[in-house]
């Protein structure tokens, strides 16, 4: 089973679900933008969440001009 399929099949925790919901509009965001958009956002928690979800194939990272952009994987 592919990582993306596994990620979709498992239930997302609160921070994971919040990050995915934030990115559903299709607009990529930086880690800082994601952190600022989440209530009580903690950069370390967002970083670890994005790292985990990108390794599972649910999110994609792209190098932007000044920072990495995070978006939902296709």
N, C-alpha and C. Protein backbone atom coordinates (compact mmCIF):
# COMPACT_ATOMS: atom_id res chain seq x y z
N UNK A 1 0.85 -1.18 0.00
CA UNK A 1 0.00 0.00 0.00
C UNK A 1 0.90 1.24 0.00
N UNK A 2 0.55 2.22 -0.79
CA UNK A 2 1.35 3.44 -0.89
C UNK A 2 1.21 4.29 0.37
N UNK A 3 2.24 5.10 0.66
CA UNK A 3 2.23 5.96 1.84
C UNK A 3 1.03 6.89 1.84
N UNK A 4 0.71 7.48 0.69
CA UNK A 4 -0.41 8.42 0.61
C UNK A 4 -1.72 7.72 0.97
N UNK A 5 -1.92 6.51 0.49
CA UNK A 5 -3.13 5.77 0.81
C UNK A 5 -3.21 5.47 2.30
N UNK A 6 -2.07 5.11 2.89
CA UNK A 6 -2.04 4.86 4.33
C UNK A 6 -2.38 6.11 5.11
N UNK A 7 -1.85 7.25 4.69
CA UNK A 7 -2.10 8.51 5.38
C UNK A 7 -3.58 8.88 5.30
N UNK A 8 -4.18 8.66 4.15
CA UNK A 8 -5.60 8.99 4.00
C UNK A 8 -6.47 8.06 4.84
N UNK A 9 -6.07 6.80 4.95
CA UNK A 9 -6.87 5.83 5.68
C UNK A 9 -6.83 6.03 7.19
N UNK A 10 -5.73 6.52 7.71
CA UNK A 10 -5.67 6.70 9.16
C UNK A 10 -6.33 8.01 9.55
N UNK A 11 -6.79 8.07 10.77
CA UNK A 11 -7.43 9.28 11.25
C UNK A 11 -6.37 10.31 11.60
N UNK A 12 -6.57 11.54 11.14
CA UNK A 12 -5.62 12.60 11.42
C UNK A 12 -5.84 13.14 12.82
N UNK A 13 -4.75 13.48 13.53
CA UNK A 13 -4.91 14.09 14.85
C UNK A 13 -5.29 15.56 14.67
N UNK A 14 -5.51 16.28 15.73
CA UNK A 14 -6.01 17.65 15.67
C UNK A 14 -5.14 18.60 14.86
N UNK A 15 -3.85 18.60 15.09
CA UNK A 15 -2.96 19.51 14.37
C UNK A 15 -2.87 19.09 12.91
N UNK A 16 -2.76 17.79 12.66
CA UNK A 16 -2.71 17.30 11.28
C UNK A 16 -3.96 17.73 10.51
N UNK A 17 -5.12 17.52 11.12
CA UNK A 17 -6.38 17.88 10.47
C UNK A 17 -6.45 19.39 10.21
N UNK A 18 -5.98 20.19 11.16
CA UNK A 18 -6.00 21.65 10.99
C UNK A 18 -5.09 22.08 9.84
N UNK A 19 -3.92 21.47 9.72
CA UNK A 19 -2.99 21.81 8.64
C UNK A 19 -3.60 21.43 7.30
N UNK A 20 -4.13 20.22 7.20
CA UNK A 20 -4.74 19.77 5.94
C UNK A 20 -5.91 20.66 5.58
N UNK A 21 -6.78 20.98 6.54
CA UNK A 21 -7.92 21.87 6.27
C UNK A 21 -7.46 23.23 5.76
N UNK A 22 -6.41 23.75 6.33
CA UNK A 22 -5.88 25.05 5.93
C UNK A 22 -5.39 25.03 4.48
N UNK A 23 -4.87 23.90 4.04
CA UNK A 23 -4.30 23.80 2.70
C UNK A 23 -5.30 23.33 1.64
N UNK A 24 -6.52 23.03 2.04
CA UNK A 24 -7.52 22.51 1.10
C UNK A 24 -7.87 23.48 -0.02
N UNK A 25 -7.67 24.77 0.18
CA UNK A 25 -8.02 25.74 -0.87
C UNK A 25 -7.03 25.69 -2.04
N UNK A 26 -5.96 24.92 -1.90
CA UNK A 26 -5.00 24.75 -2.98
C UNK A 26 -3.86 25.75 -2.98
N UNK A 27 -3.92 26.74 -2.09
CA UNK A 27 -2.84 27.74 -2.01
C UNK A 27 -1.72 27.23 -1.12
N UNK A 28 -0.51 27.12 -1.66
CA UNK A 28 0.60 26.70 -0.80
C UNK A 28 0.91 27.78 0.23
N UNK A 29 1.41 27.36 1.36
CA UNK A 29 1.76 28.28 2.44
C UNK A 29 3.12 27.89 3.01
N UNK A 30 3.76 28.86 3.61
CA UNK A 30 5.03 28.58 4.29
C UNK A 30 4.74 28.01 5.68
N UNK A 31 5.75 27.46 6.31
CA UNK A 31 5.59 26.96 7.67
C UNK A 31 5.17 28.09 8.61
N UNK A 32 5.74 29.28 8.43
CA UNK A 32 5.37 30.42 9.27
C UNK A 32 3.91 30.79 9.08
N UNK A 33 3.43 30.80 7.84
CA UNK A 33 2.03 31.14 7.57
C UNK A 33 1.08 30.11 8.18
N UNK A 34 1.45 28.85 8.10
CA UNK A 34 0.62 27.80 8.71
C UNK A 34 0.59 27.99 10.22
N UNK A 35 1.75 28.23 10.82
CA UNK A 35 1.83 28.41 12.27
C UNK A 35 0.98 29.59 12.72
N UNK A 36 1.05 30.71 12.00
CA UNK A 36 0.28 31.90 12.36
C UNK A 36 -1.22 31.68 12.20
N UNK A 37 -1.62 30.83 11.26
CA UNK A 37 -3.05 30.61 11.00
C UNK A 37 -3.70 29.68 12.02
N UNK A 38 -2.90 28.88 12.72
CA UNK A 38 -3.46 27.94 13.68
C UNK A 38 -3.57 28.58 15.05
N UNK A 39 -4.71 28.42 15.70
CA UNK A 39 -4.85 28.98 17.05
C UNK A 39 -3.84 28.34 18.00
N UNK A 40 -3.09 29.17 18.68
CA UNK A 40 -2.08 28.66 19.60
C UNK A 40 -0.98 27.91 18.88
N UNK A 41 -0.77 28.27 17.62
CA UNK A 41 0.20 27.55 16.79
C UNK A 41 1.60 27.57 17.38
N UNK A 42 2.22 26.44 17.33
CA UNK A 42 3.59 26.27 17.81
C UNK A 42 4.41 25.81 16.61
N UNK A 43 5.46 26.58 16.26
CA UNK A 43 6.25 26.27 15.07
C UNK A 43 6.78 24.85 15.09
N UNK A 44 7.29 24.40 16.22
CA UNK A 44 7.87 23.05 16.31
C UNK A 44 6.82 21.99 16.01
N UNK A 45 5.62 22.18 16.54
CA UNK A 45 4.55 21.21 16.31
C UNK A 45 4.13 21.21 14.84
N UNK A 46 4.04 22.39 14.23
CA UNK A 46 3.70 22.48 12.80
C UNK A 46 4.81 21.84 11.97
N UNK A 47 6.06 22.12 12.29
CA UNK A 47 7.19 21.54 11.55
C UNK A 47 7.13 20.02 11.59
N UNK A 48 6.96 19.45 12.78
CA UNK A 48 6.91 18.00 12.91
C UNK A 48 5.72 17.40 12.18
N UNK A 49 4.59 18.09 12.23
CA UNK A 49 3.38 17.63 11.54
C UNK A 49 3.59 17.63 10.02
N UNK A 50 4.12 18.72 9.50
CA UNK A 50 4.37 18.82 8.06
C UNK A 50 5.40 17.78 7.64
N UNK A 51 6.43 17.58 8.43
CA UNK A 51 7.43 16.56 8.13
C UNK A 51 6.79 15.18 8.03
N UNK A 52 5.98 14.84 9.03
CA UNK A 52 5.34 13.52 9.07
C UNK A 52 4.39 13.33 7.88
N UNK A 53 3.54 14.34 7.61
CA UNK A 53 2.56 14.20 6.53
C UNK A 53 3.22 14.23 5.15
N UNK A 54 4.34 14.92 5.02
CA UNK A 54 5.04 14.90 3.72
C UNK A 54 5.71 13.55 3.50
N UNK A 55 6.23 12.94 4.55
CA UNK A 55 6.84 11.61 4.43
C UNK A 55 5.78 10.55 4.08
N UNK A 56 4.53 10.78 4.55
CA UNK A 56 3.44 9.86 4.25
C UNK A 56 2.82 10.12 2.87
N UNK A 57 3.26 11.19 2.23
CA UNK A 57 2.77 11.48 0.88
C UNK A 57 1.50 12.31 0.82
N UNK A 58 1.06 12.85 1.96
CA UNK A 58 -0.16 13.65 1.98
C UNK A 58 0.12 15.11 1.63
N UNK A 59 1.30 15.60 1.99
CA UNK A 59 1.70 16.97 1.68
C UNK A 59 2.93 16.95 0.78
N UNK A 60 3.13 18.05 0.07
CA UNK A 60 4.33 18.20 -0.74
C UNK A 60 5.04 19.48 -0.31
N UNK A 61 6.35 19.47 -0.40
CA UNK A 61 7.18 20.63 -0.10
C UNK A 61 7.87 21.07 -1.38
N UNK A 62 7.88 22.37 -1.61
CA UNK A 62 8.60 22.93 -2.76
C UNK A 62 9.41 24.11 -2.28
N UNK A 63 10.59 24.24 -2.83
CA UNK A 63 11.45 25.36 -2.47
C UNK A 63 10.96 26.60 -3.19
N UNK A 64 10.58 27.62 -2.41
CA UNK A 64 10.18 28.91 -2.96
C UNK A 64 11.38 29.84 -3.00
N UNK A 65 11.13 31.10 -3.29
CA UNK A 65 12.23 32.06 -3.35
C UNK A 65 12.91 32.25 -2.00
N UNK A 66 12.11 32.35 -0.93
CA UNK A 66 12.69 32.63 0.38
C UNK A 66 12.43 31.52 1.40
N UNK A 67 11.49 30.64 1.11
CA UNK A 67 11.13 29.60 2.08
C UNK A 67 10.53 28.42 1.34
N UNK A 68 10.29 27.33 2.04
CA UNK A 68 9.62 26.19 1.46
C UNK A 68 8.12 26.41 1.48
N UNK A 69 7.46 26.08 0.39
CA UNK A 69 6.01 26.15 0.31
C UNK A 69 5.46 24.75 0.60
N UNK A 70 4.38 24.70 1.36
CA UNK A 70 3.73 23.46 1.72
C UNK A 70 2.36 23.45 1.05
N UNK A 71 2.02 22.34 0.44
CA UNK A 71 0.71 22.19 -0.19
C UNK A 71 0.27 20.74 -0.12
N UNK A 72 -0.98 20.50 -0.44
CA UNK A 72 -1.47 19.13 -0.50
C UNK A 72 -0.87 18.43 -1.70
N UNK A 73 -0.54 17.17 -1.54
CA UNK A 73 -0.01 16.39 -2.66
C UNK A 73 -1.14 16.10 -3.63
N UNK A 74 -0.79 15.99 -4.87
CA UNK A 74 -1.81 15.69 -5.90
C UNK A 74 -2.17 14.24 -5.92
